[in-house]
PDB file of all heavy atoms in Angstrom:
ATOM      1  N   ARG A   1      91.996 130.535  75.268  1.00  0.00           N
ATOM      2  CA  ARG A   1      92.484 130.613  73.894  1.00  0.00           C
ATOM      3  C   ARG A   1      92.596 132.069  73.431  1.00  0.00           C
ATOM      4  O   ARG A   1      93.603 132.485  72.862  1.00  0.00           O
ATOM      5  CB  ARG A   1      91.542 129.852  72.958  1.00  0.00           C
ATOM      6  CG  ARG A   1      91.927 129.945  71.483  1.00  0.00           C
ATOM      7  CD  ARG A   1      90.748 129.597  70.600  1.00  0.00           C
ATOM      8  NE  ARG A   1      90.356 128.200  70.754  1.00  0.00           N
ATOM      9  CZ  ARG A   1      90.889 127.198  70.056  1.00  0.00           C
ATOM     10  NH1 ARG A   1      91.830 127.430  69.152  1.00  0.00           N
ATOM     11  NH2 ARG A   1      90.475 125.966  70.247  1.00  0.00           N
ATOM     12  N   TRP A   2      91.557 132.849  73.684  1.00  0.00           N
ATOM     13  CA  TRP A   2      91.573 134.242  73.249  1.00  0.00           C
ATOM     14  C   TRP A   2      92.699 135.021  73.917  1.00  0.00           C
ATOM     15  O   TRP A   2      93.327 135.873  73.301  1.00  0.00           O
ATOM     16  CB  TRP A   2      90.222 134.892  73.544  1.00  0.00           C
ATOM     17  CG  TRP A   2      89.145 134.457  72.611  1.00  0.00           C
ATOM     18  CD1 TRP A   2      89.296 133.935  71.352  1.00  0.00           C
ATOM     19  CD2 TRP A   2      87.734 134.500  72.856  1.00  0.00           C
ATOM     20  NE1 TRP A   2      88.070 133.634  70.806  1.00  0.00           N
ATOM     21  CE2 TRP A   2      87.093 133.977  71.694  1.00  0.00           C
ATOM     22  CE3 TRP A   2      86.957 134.912  73.929  1.00  0.00           C
ATOM     23  CZ2 TRP A   2      85.710 133.881  71.601  1.00  0.00           C
ATOM     24  CZ3 TRP A   2      85.581 134.815  73.833  1.00  0.00           C
ATOM     25  CH2 TRP A   2      84.972 134.307  72.681  1.00  0.00           C
ATOM     26  N   ARG A   3      92.952 134.722  75.203  1.00  0.00           N
ATOM     27  CA  ARG A   3      94.025 135.444  75.899  1.00  0.00           C
ATOM     28  C   ARG A   3      95.403 135.000  75.428  1.00  0.00           C
ATOM     29  O   ARG A   3      96.336 135.802  75.376  1.00  0.00           O
ATOM     30  CB  ARG A   3      93.891 135.245  77.411  1.00  0.00           C
ATOM     31  CG  ARG A   3      92.900 136.211  78.044  1.00  0.00           C
ATOM     32  CD  ARG A   3      91.471 135.837  77.776  1.00  0.00           C
ATOM     33  NE  ARG A   3      90.606 137.004  77.587  1.00  0.00           N
ATOM     34  CZ  ARG A   3      89.350 136.903  77.174  1.00  0.00           C
ATOM     35  NH1 ARG A   3      88.810 135.715  76.911  1.00  0.00           N
ATOM     36  NH2 ARG A   3      88.627 137.979  76.993  1.00  0.00           N
ATOM     37  N   ILE A   4      95.541 133.735  75.049  1.00  0.00           N
ATOM     38  CA  ILE A   4      96.801 133.262  74.462  1.00  0.00           C
ATOM     39  C   ILE A   4      97.045 133.961  73.128  1.00  0.00           C
ATOM     40  O   ILE A   4      98.150 134.435  72.828  1.00  0.00           O
ATOM     41  CB  ILE A   4      96.769 131.732  74.288  1.00  0.00           C
ATOM     42  CG1 ILE A   4      96.812 131.038  75.654  1.00  0.00           C
ATOM     43  CG2 ILE A   4      97.945 131.258  73.424  1.00  0.00           C
ATOM     44  CD1 ILE A   4      96.559 129.548  75.600  1.00  0.00           C
ATOM     45  N   ILE A   5      95.992 134.047  72.312  1.00  0.00           N
ATOM     46  CA  ILE A   5      96.099 134.733  71.025  1.00  0.00           C
ATOM     47  C   ILE A   5      96.503 136.192  71.236  1.00  0.00           C
ATOM     48  O   ILE A   5      97.360 136.728  70.516  1.00  0.00           O
ATOM     49  CB  ILE A   5      94.773 134.642  70.256  1.00  0.00           C
ATOM     50  CG1 ILE A   5      94.498 133.200  69.835  1.00  0.00           C
ATOM     51  CG2 ILE A   5      94.784 135.554  69.022  1.00  0.00           C
ATOM     52  CD1 ILE A   5      93.109 132.967  69.278  1.00  0.00           C
ATOM     53  N   ASP A   6      95.899 136.840  72.227  1.00  0.00           N
ATOM     54  CA  ASP A   6      96.224 138.235  72.508  1.00  0.00           C
ATOM     55  C   ASP A   6      97.707 138.412  72.813  1.00  0.00           C
ATOM     56  O   ASP A   6      98.320 139.403  72.398  1.00  0.00           O
ATOM     57  CB  ASP A   6      95.394 138.752  73.682  1.00  0.00           C
ATOM     58  CG  ASP A   6      93.947 139.028  73.304  1.00  0.00           C
ATOM     59  OD1 ASP A   6      93.662 139.138  72.091  1.00  0.00           O
ATOM     60  OD2 ASP A   6      93.099 139.124  74.213  1.00  0.00           O
ATOM     61  N   GLN A   7      98.282 137.457  73.531  1.00  0.00           N
ATOM     62  CA  GLN A   7      99.701 137.561  73.863  1.00  0.00           C
ATOM     63  C   GLN A   7     100.569 137.450  72.603  1.00  0.00           C
ATOM     64  O   GLN A   7     101.558 138.177  72.454  1.00  0.00           O
ATOM     65  CB  GLN A   7     100.096 136.471  74.864  1.00  0.00           C
ATOM     66  CG  GLN A   7      99.548 136.683  76.264  1.00  0.00           C
ATOM     67  CD  GLN A   7     100.035 137.967  76.893  1.00  0.00           C
ATOM     68  OE1 GLN A   7     101.213 138.331  76.775  1.00  0.00           O
ATOM     69  NE2 GLN A   7      99.133 138.667  77.572  1.00  0.00           N
ATOM     70  N   PHE A   8     100.187 136.572  71.689  1.00  0.00           N
ATOM     71  CA  PHE A   8     100.950 136.467  70.436  1.00  0.00           C
ATOM     72  C   PHE A   8     100.772 137.721  69.582  1.00  0.00           C
ATOM     73  O   PHE A   8     101.714 138.169  68.918  1.00  0.00           O
ATOM     74  CB  PHE A   8     100.534 135.220  69.652  1.00  0.00           C
ATOM     75  CG  PHE A   8     101.188 133.962  70.138  1.00  0.00           C
ATOM     76  CD1 PHE A   8     100.482 133.047  70.893  1.00  0.00           C
ATOM     77  CD2 PHE A   8     102.520 133.695  69.837  1.00  0.00           C
ATOM     78  CE1 PHE A   8     101.094 131.887  71.351  1.00  0.00           C
ATOM     79  CE2 PHE A   8     103.136 132.540  70.297  1.00  0.00           C
ATOM     80  CZ  PHE A   8     102.425 131.633  71.055  1.00  0.00           C
ATOM     81  N   ARG A   9      99.584 138.285  69.607  1.00  0.00           N
ATOM     82  CA  ARG A   9      99.338 139.491  68.815  1.00  0.00           C
ATOM     83  C   ARG A   9     100.164 140.667  69.322  1.00  0.00           C
ATOM     84  O   ARG A   9     100.545 141.554  68.559  1.00  0.00           O
ATOM     85  CB  ARG A   9      97.856 139.844  68.830  1.00  0.00           C
ATOM     86  CG  ARG A   9      96.978 138.821  68.104  1.00  0.00           C
ATOM     87  CD  ARG A   9      95.546 139.268  68.053  1.00  0.00           C
ATOM     88  NE  ARG A   9      95.402 140.462  67.206  1.00  0.00           N
ATOM     89  CZ  ARG A   9      94.469 141.387  67.373  1.00  0.00           C
ATOM     90  NH1 ARG A   9      93.626 141.286  68.373  1.00  0.00           N
ATOM     91  NH2 ARG A   9      94.390 142.407  66.564  1.00  0.00           N
ATOM     92  N   LYS A  10     100.457 140.677  70.630  1.00  0.00           N
ATOM     93  CA  LYS A  10     101.280 141.750  71.188  1.00  0.00           C
ATOM     94  C   LYS A  10     102.707 141.704  70.644  1.00  0.00           C
ATOM     95  O   LYS A  10     103.416 142.712  70.685  1.00  0.00           O
ATOM     96  CB  LYS A  10     101.306 141.648  72.718  1.00  0.00           C
ATOM     97  CG  LYS A  10      99.988 142.005  73.388  1.00  0.00           C
ATOM     98  CD  LYS A  10     100.077 141.834  74.891  1.00  0.00           C
ATOM     99  CE  LYS A  10      98.739 142.151  75.563  1.00  0.00           C
ATOM    100  NZ  LYS A  10      98.801 141.963  77.039  1.00  0.00           N
ATOM    101  N   ARG A  11     103.116 140.536  70.169  1.00  0.00           N
ATOM    102  CA  ARG A  11     104.464 140.413  69.606  1.00  0.00           C
ATOM    103  C   ARG A  11     104.547 140.965  68.187  1.00  0.00           C
ATOM    104  O   ARG A  11     105.642 141.223  67.685  1.00  0.00           O
ATOM    105  CB  ARG A  11     104.880 138.942  69.556  1.00  0.00           C
ATOM    106  CG  ARG A  11     105.001 138.253  70.912  1.00  0.00           C
ATOM    107  CD  ARG A  11     105.392 136.807  70.703  1.00  0.00           C
ATOM    108  NE  ARG A  11     105.596 136.074  71.956  1.00  0.00           N
ATOM    109  CZ  ARG A  11     105.981 134.803  72.004  1.00  0.00           C
ATOM    110  NH1 ARG A  11     106.188 134.131  70.867  1.00  0.00           N
ATOM    111  NH2 ARG A  11     106.160 134.209  73.169  1.00  0.00           N
ATOM    112  N   LEU A  12     103.386 141.121  67.538  1.00  0.00           N
ATOM    113  CA  LEU A  12     103.362 141.533  66.138  1.00  0.00           C
ATOM    114  C   LEU A  12     103.419 143.047  66.021  1.00  0.00           C
ATOM    115  O   LEU A  12     102.986 143.767  66.918  1.00  0.00           O
ATOM    116  CB  LEU A  12     102.091 141.014  65.462  1.00  0.00           C
ATOM    117  CG  LEU A  12     101.881 139.495  65.481  1.00  0.00           C
ATOM    118  CD1 LEU A  12     100.523 139.152  64.882  1.00  0.00           C
ATOM    119  CD2 LEU A  12     102.995 138.791  64.718  1.00  0.00           C
ATOM    120  N   PRO A  13     103.941 143.550  64.888  1.00  0.00           N
ATOM    121  CA  PRO A  13     103.924 145.000  64.659  1.00  0.00           C
ATOM    122  C   PRO A  13     102.488 145.502  64.615  1.00  0.00           C
ATOM    123  O   PRO A  13     101.556 144.753  64.329  1.00  0.00           O
ATOM    124  CB  PRO A  13     104.608 145.147  63.287  1.00  0.00           C
ATOM    125  CG  PRO A  13     105.345 143.878  63.070  1.00  0.00           C
ATOM    126  CD  PRO A  13     104.567 142.812  63.787  1.00  0.00           C
ATOM    127  N   GLU A  14     102.323 146.790  64.891  1.00  0.00           N
ATOM    128  CA  GLU A  14     100.992 147.391  64.826  1.00  0.00           C
ATOM    129  C   GLU A  14     100.431 147.249  63.419  1.00  0.00           C
ATOM    130  O   GLU A  14     101.133 147.428  62.424  1.00  0.00           O
ATOM    131  CB  GLU A  14     101.059 148.882  65.185  1.00  0.00           C
ATOM    132  CG  GLU A  14     101.310 149.157  66.662  1.00  0.00           C
ATOM    133  CD  GLU A  14     100.135 148.752  67.518  1.00  0.00           C
ATOM    134  OE1 GLU A  14      99.002 148.778  67.002  1.00  0.00           O
ATOM    135  OE2 GLU A  14     100.338 148.409  68.697  1.00  0.00           O
ATOM    136  N   SER A  15      99.149 146.894  63.328  1.00  0.00           N
ATOM    137  CA  SER A  15      98.513 146.754  62.021  1.00  0.00           C
ATOM    138  C   SER A  15      97.147 147.416  62.076  1.00  0.00           C
ATOM    139  O   SER A  15      96.553 147.559  63.144  1.00  0.00           O
ATOM    140  CB  SER A  15      98.359 145.271  61.656  1.00  0.00           C
ATOM    141  OG  SER A  15      97.610 144.606  62.646  1.00  0.00           O
ATOM    142  N   PRO A  16      96.604 147.816  60.921  1.00  0.00           N
ATOM    143  CA  PRO A  16      95.281 148.452  60.910  1.00  0.00           C
ATOM    144  C   PRO A  16      94.233 147.529  61.497  1.00  0.00           C
ATOM    145  O   PRO A  16      94.302 146.302  61.314  1.00  0.00           O
ATOM    146  CB  PRO A  16      95.020 148.697  59.410  1.00  0.00           C
ATOM    147  CG  PRO A  16      96.377 148.679  58.792  1.00  0.00           C
ATOM    148  CD  PRO A  16      97.190 147.710  59.591  1.00  0.00           C
ATOM    149  N   PRO A  17      93.262 148.057  62.238  1.00  0.00           N
ATOM    150  CA  PRO A  17      92.214 147.214  62.831  1.00  0.00           C
ATOM    151  C   PRO A  17      91.399 146.506  61.764  1.00  0.00           C
ATOM    152  O   PRO A  17      91.111 147.064  60.711  1.00  0.00           O
ATOM    153  CB  PRO A  17      91.350 148.208  63.622  1.00  0.00           C
ATOM    154  CG  PRO A  17      91.623 149.536  62.994  1.00  0.00           C
ATOM    155  CD  PRO A  17      93.058 149.489  62.532  1.00  0.00           C
ATOM    156  N   SER A  18      91.058 145.257  62.042  1.00  0.00           N
ATOM    157  CA  SER A  18      90.262 144.479  61.095  1.00  0.00           C
ATOM    158  C   SER A  18      88.793 144.755  61.309  1.00  0.00           C
ATOM    159  O   SER A  18      88.335 145.023  62.419  1.00  0.00           O
ATOM    160  CB  SER A  18      90.544 142.981  61.302  1.00  0.00           C
ATOM    161  OG  SER A  18      89.618 142.193  60.612  1.00  0.00           O
ATOM    162  N   GLU A  19      88.006 144.674  60.231  1.00  0.00           N
ATOM    163  CA  GLU A  19      86.562 144.846  60.358  1.00  0.00           C
ATOM    164  C   GLU A  19      85.952 143.704  61.141  1.00  0.00           C
ATOM    165  O   GLU A  19      84.960 143.857  61.829  1.00  0.00           O
ATOM    166  CB  GLU A  19      85.916 144.926  58.970  1.00  0.00           C
ATOM    167  CG  GLU A  19      86.297 146.193  58.203  1.00  0.00           C
ATOM    168  CD  GLU A  19      85.592 146.250  56.867  1.00  0.00           C
ATOM    169  OE1 GLU A  19      84.778 145.340  56.592  1.00  0.00           O
ATOM    170  OE2 GLU A  19      85.831 147.189  56.100  1.00  0.00           O
ATOM    171  N   ASP A  20      86.564 142.536  61.021  1.00  0.00           N
ATOM    172  CA  ASP A  20      86.069 141.367  61.749  1.00  0.00           C
ATOM    173  C   ASP A  20      87.127 140.973  62.769  1.00  0.00           C
ATOM    174  O   ASP A  20      87.929 140.085  62.554  1.00  0.00           O
ATOM    175  CB  ASP A  20      85.792 140.209  60.777  1.00  0.00           C
ATOM    176  CG  ASP A  20      85.087 139.036  61.458  1.00  0.00           C
ATOM    177  OD1 ASP A  20      84.977 139.080  62.700  1.00  0.00           O
ATOM    178  OD2 ASP A  20      84.665 138.118  60.753  1.00  0.00           O
ATOM    179  N   LEU A  21      87.157 141.673  63.906  1.00  0.00           N
ATOM    180  CA  LEU A  21      88.210 141.490  64.886  1.00  0.00           C
ATOM    181  C   LEU A  21      88.257 140.083  65.439  1.00  0.00           C
ATOM    182  O   LEU A  21      89.329 139.490  65.555  1.00  0.00           O
ATOM    183  CB  LEU A  21      88.017 142.490  66.038  1.00  0.00           C
ATOM    184  CG  LEU A  21      89.067 142.453  67.163  1.00  0.00           C
ATOM    185  CD1 LEU A  21      90.442 142.722  66.593  1.00  0.00           C
ATOM    186  CD2 LEU A  21      88.721 143.469  68.244  1.00  0.00           C
ATOM    187  N   GLU A  22      87.088 139.500  65.767  1.00  0.00           N
ATOM    188  CA  GLU A  22      87.093 138.180  66.373  1.00  0.00           C
ATOM    189  C   GLU A  22      87.607 137.125  65.406  1.00  0.00           C
ATOM    190  O   GLU A  22      88.329 136.221  65.779  1.00  0.00           O
ATOM    191  CB  GLU A  22      85.684 137.811  66.858  1.00  0.00           C
ATOM    192  CG  GLU A  22      85.253 138.578  68.091  1.00  0.00           C
ATOM    193  CD  GLU A  22      86.217 138.387  69.251  1.00  0.00           C
ATOM    194  OE1 GLU A  22      86.605 137.235  69.506  1.00  0.00           O
ATOM    195  OE2 GLU A  22      86.601 139.377  69.877  1.00  0.00           O
ATOM    196  N   THR A  23      87.229 137.224  64.127  1.00  0.00           N
ATOM    197  CA  THR A  23      87.723 136.264  63.137  1.00  0.00           C
ATOM    198  C   THR A  23      89.224 136.383  63.004  1.00  0.00           C
ATOM    199  O   THR A  23      89.954 135.381  62.970  1.00  0.00           O
ATOM    200  CB  THR A  23      87.048 136.507  61.772  1.00  0.00           C
ATOM    201  OG1 THR A  23      85.646 136.343  61.919  1.00  0.00           O
ATOM    202  CG2 THR A  23      87.587 135.533  60.738  1.00  0.00           C
ATOM    203  N   ASN A  24      89.720 137.628  62.936  1.00  0.00           N
ATOM    204  CA  ASN A  24      91.149 137.850  62.828  1.00  0.00           C
ATOM    205  C   ASN A  24      91.861 137.311  64.069  1.00  0.00           C
ATOM    206  O   ASN A  24      92.922 136.705  63.982  1.00  0.00           O
ATOM    207  CB  ASN A  24      91.428 139.348  62.679  1.00  0.00           C
ATOM    208  CG  ASN A  24      92.895 139.638  62.421  1.00  0.00           C
ATOM    209  OD1 ASN A  24      93.465 139.109  61.480  1.00  0.00           O
ATOM    210  ND2 ASN A  24      93.484 140.470  63.254  1.00  0.00           N
ATOM    211  N   ARG A  25      91.230 137.531  65.224  1.00  0.00           N
ATOM    212  CA  ARG A  25      91.790 137.065  66.486  1.00  0.00           C
ATOM    213  C   ARG A  25      91.938 135.555  66.487  1.00  0.00           C
ATOM    214  O   ARG A  25      92.904 135.009  66.990  1.00  0.00           O
ATOM    215  CB  ARG A  25      90.855 137.512  67.621  1.00  0.00           C
ATOM    216  CG  ARG A  25      91.386 137.314  69.018  1.00  0.00           C
ATOM    217  CD  ARG A  25      90.308 137.704  70.007  1.00  0.00           C
ATOM    218  NE  ARG A  25      90.869 138.018  71.285  1.00  0.00           N
ATOM    219  CZ  ARG A  25      90.131 138.334  72.348  1.00  0.00           C
ATOM    220  NH1 ARG A  25      88.813 138.377  72.232  1.00  0.00           N
ATOM    221  NH2 ARG A  25      90.695 138.610  73.505  1.00  0.00           N
ATOM    222  N   GLU A  26      90.965 134.875  65.912  1.00  0.00           N
ATOM    223  CA  GLU A  26      90.963 133.419  65.904  1.00  0.00           C
ATOM    224  C   GLU A  26      91.977 132.836  64.925  1.00  0.00           C
ATOM    225  O   GLU A  26      92.588 131.823  65.194  1.00  0.00           O
ATOM    226  CB  GLU A  26      89.574 132.890  65.531  1.00  0.00           C
ATOM    227  CG  GLU A  26      88.567 132.986  66.649  1.00  0.00           C
ATOM    228  CD  GLU A  26      88.899 132.026  67.771  1.00  0.00           C
ATOM    229  OE1 GLU A  26      89.410 130.933  67.494  1.00  0.00           O
ATOM    230  OE2 GLU A  26      88.675 132.384  68.929  1.00  0.00           O
ATOM    231  N   THR A  27      92.139 133.459  63.750  1.00  0.00           N
ATOM    232  CA  THR A  27      92.905 132.819  62.697  1.00  0.00           C
ATOM    233  C   THR A  27      94.306 133.365  62.518  1.00  0.00           C
ATOM    234  O   THR A  27      95.172 132.668  62.004  1.00  0.00           O
ATOM    235  CB  THR A  27      92.167 132.956  61.352  1.00  0.00           C
ATOM    236  OG1 THR A  27      92.017 134.342  61.042  1.00  0.00           O
ATOM    237  CG2 THR A  27      90.804 132.304  61.434  1.00  0.00           C
ATOM    238  N   ALA A  28      94.560 134.578  62.970  1.00  0.00           N
ATOM    239  CA  ALA A  28      95.829 135.213  62.646  1.00  0.00           C
ATOM    240  C   ALA A  28      97.014 134.514  63.280  1.00  0.00           C
ATOM    241  O   ALA A  28      98.095 134.488  62.717  1.00  0.00           O
ATOM    242  CB  ALA A  28      95.799 136.678  63.097  1.00  0.00           C
ATOM    243  N   THR A  29      96.836 133.943  64.473  1.00  0.00           N
ATOM    244  CA  THR A  29      97.973 133.418  65.196  1.00  0.00           C
ATOM    245  C   THR A  29      97.827 131.953  65.572  1.00  0.00           C
ATOM    246  O   THR A  29      98.655 131.132  65.224  1.00  0.00           O
ATOM    247  CB  THR A  29      98.181 134.236  66.491  1.00  0.00           C
ATOM    248  OG1 THR A  29      98.286 135.615  66.141  1.00  0.00           O
ATOM    249  CG2 THR A  29      99.460 133.810  67.190  1.00  0.00           C
ATOM    250  N   ILE A  30      96.744 131.644  66.264  1.00  0.00           N
ATOM    251  CA  ILE A  30      96.652 130.343  66.901  1.00  0.00           C
ATOM    252  C   ILE A  30      96.628 129.195  65.904  1.00  0.00           C
ATOM    253  O   ILE A  30      97.162 128.125  66.161  1.00  0.00           O
ATOM    254  CB  ILE A  30      95.417 130.280  67.828  1.00  0.00           C
ATOM    255  CG1 ILE A  30      95.611 129.227  68.930  1.00  0.00           C
ATOM    256  CG2 ILE A  30      94.150 130.005  67.067  1.00  0.00           C
ATOM    257  CD1 ILE A  30      96.651 129.589  69.954  1.00  0.00           C
ATOM    258  N   ASP A  31      96.026 129.403  64.739  1.00  0.00           N
ATOM    259  CA  ASP A  31      95.951 128.320  63.768  1.00  0.00           C
ATOM    260  C   ASP A  31      97.309 127.994  63.169  1.00  0.00           C
ATOM    261  O   ASP A  31      97.493 126.924  62.595  1.00  0.00           O
ATOM    262  CB  ASP A  31      94.971 128.682  62.634  1.00  0.00           C
ATOM    263  CG  ASP A  31      93.521 128.632  63.096  1.00  0.00           C
ATOM    264  OD1 ASP A  31      93.288 128.045  64.168  1.00  0.00           O
ATOM    265  OD2 ASP A  31      92.660 129.182  62.404  1.00  0.00           O
ATOM    266  N   ARG A  32      98.262 128.907  63.289  1.00  0.00           N
ATOM    267  CA  ARG A  32      99.572 128.662  62.721  1.00  0.00           C
ATOM    268  C   ARG A  32     100.536 128.034  63.718  1.00  0.00           C
ATOM    269  O   ARG A  32     101.601 127.578  63.348  1.00  0.00           O
ATOM    270  CB  ARG A  32     100.184 129.992  62.217  1.00  0.00           C
ATOM    271  CG  ARG A  32      99.412 130.653  61.103  1.00  0.00           C
ATOM    272  CD  ARG A  32     100.304 131.624  60.349  1.00  0.00           C
ATOM    273  NE  ARG A  32     100.892 132.625  61.226  1.00  0.00           N
ATOM    274  CZ  ARG A  32     100.356 133.820  61.463  1.00  0.00           C
ATOM    275  NH1 ARG A  32      99.195 134.140  60.910  1.00  0.00           N
ATOM    276  NH2 ARG A  32     100.945 134.682  62.269  1.00  0.00           N
ATOM    277  N   LEU A  33     100.149 128.007  64.990  1.00  0.00           N
ATOM    278  CA  LEU A  33     101.084 127.575  66.009  1.00  0.00           C
ATOM    279  C   LEU A  33     101.588 126.148  65.834  1.00  0.00           C
ATOM    280  O   LEU A  33     102.784 125.925  65.822  1.00  0.00           O
ATOM    281  CB  LEU A  33     100.467 127.744  67.401  1.00  0.00           C
ATOM    282  CG  LEU A  33     100.281 129.178  67.875  1.00  0.00           C
ATOM    283  CD1 LEU A  33      99.687 129.175  69.276  1.00  0.00           C
ATOM    284  CD2 LEU A  33     101.588 129.938  67.859  1.00  0.00           C
ATOM    285  N   PRO A  34     100.725 125.141  65.700  1.00  0.00           N
ATOM    286  CA  PRO A  34     101.246 123.786  65.591  1.00  0.00           C
ATOM    287  C   PRO A  34     102.166 123.603  64.393  1.00  0.00           C
ATOM    288  O   PRO A  34     103.193 122.955  64.497  1.00  0.00           O
ATOM    289  CB  PRO A  34      99.973 122.930  65.461  1.00  0.00           C
ATOM    290  CG  PRO A  34      98.918 123.767  66.100  1.00  0.00           C
ATOM    291  CD  PRO A  34      99.272 125.176  65.729  1.00  0.00           C
ATOM    292  N   ALA A  35     101.814 124.167  63.252  1.00  0.00           N
ATOM    293  CA  ALA A  35     102.612 123.976  62.048  1.00  0.00           C
ATOM    294  C   ALA A  35     103.960 124.675  62.153  1.00  0.00           C
ATOM    295  O   ALA A  35     104.965 124.200  61.650  1.00  0.00           O
ATOM    296  CB  ALA A  35     101.855 124.510  60.828  1.00  0.00           C
ATOM    297  N   SER A  36     103.995 125.850  62.820  1.00  0.00           N
ATOM    298  CA  SER A  36     105.225 126.621  62.841  1.00  0.00           C
ATOM    299  C   SER A  36     106.129 126.273  64.011  1.00  0.00           C
ATOM    300  O   SER A  36     107.334 126.381  63.925  1.00  0.00           O
ATOM    301  CB  SER A  36     104.894 128.119  62.899  1.00  0.00           C
ATOM    302  OG  SER A  36     104.170 128.403  64.084  1.00  0.00           O
ATOM    303  N   SER A  37     105.555 125.849  65.146  1.00  0.00           N
ATOM    304  CA  SER A  37     106.378 125.634  66.328  1.00  0.00           C
ATOM    305  C   SER A  37     106.468 124.187  66.767  1.00  0.00           C
ATOM    306  O   SER A  37     107.218 123.858  67.667  1.00  0.00           O
ATOM    307  CB  SER A  37     105.803 126.446  67.502  1.00  0.00           C
ATOM    308  OG  SER A  37     104.522 125.958  67.855  1.00  0.00           O
ATOM    309  N   GLY A  38     105.695 123.313  66.142  1.00  0.00           N
ATOM    310  CA  GLY A  38     105.723 121.911  66.521  1.00  0.00           C
ATOM    311  C   GLY A  38     104.932 121.602  67.779  1.00  0.00           C
ATOM    312  O   GLY A  38     104.972 120.488  68.279  1.00  0.00           O
ATOM    313  N   GLU A  39     104.201 122.580  68.308  1.00  0.00           N
ATOM    314  CA  GLU A  39     103.406 122.344  69.505  1.00  0.00           C
ATOM    315  C   GLU A  39     102.148 121.551  69.158  1.00  0.00           C
ATOM    316  O   GLU A  39     101.707 121.520  68.014  1.00  0.00           O
ATOM    317  CB  GLU A  39     103.004 123.682  70.140  1.00  0.00           C
ATOM    318  CG  GLU A  39     104.168 124.533  70.602  1.00  0.00           C
ATOM    319  CD  GLU A  39     104.857 123.968  71.832  1.00  0.00           C
ATOM    320  OE1 GLU A  39     104.253 123.093  72.483  1.00  0.00           O
ATOM    321  OE2 GLU A  39     105.976 124.390  72.117  1.00  0.00           O
ATOM    322  N   LEU A  40     101.581 120.915  70.191  1.00  0.00           N
ATOM    323  CA  LEU A  40     100.327 120.196  69.999  1.00  0.00           C
ATOM    324  C   LEU A  40      99.206 121.187  69.717  1.00  0.00           C
ATOM    325  O   LEU A  40      99.252 122.325  70.163  1.00  0.00           O
ATOM    326  CB  LEU A  40      99.985 119.412  71.265  1.00  0.00           C
ATOM    327  CG  LEU A  40     100.826 118.193  71.600  1.00  0.00           C
ATOM    328  CD1 LEU A  40     100.446 117.685  72.978  1.00  0.00           C
ATOM    329  CD2 LEU A  40     100.654 117.104  70.570  1.00  0.00           C
TER     330      LEU A  40
END
């Protein structure tokens, strides 16, 4: 899961580092995938 998230984050523009990197890693991309792409 973390490596999948990392791949999606590479598609995003550079952004300032978050104080809570792991939380940002978990919520920034993967939680939006099913709603935005129709994936399971």
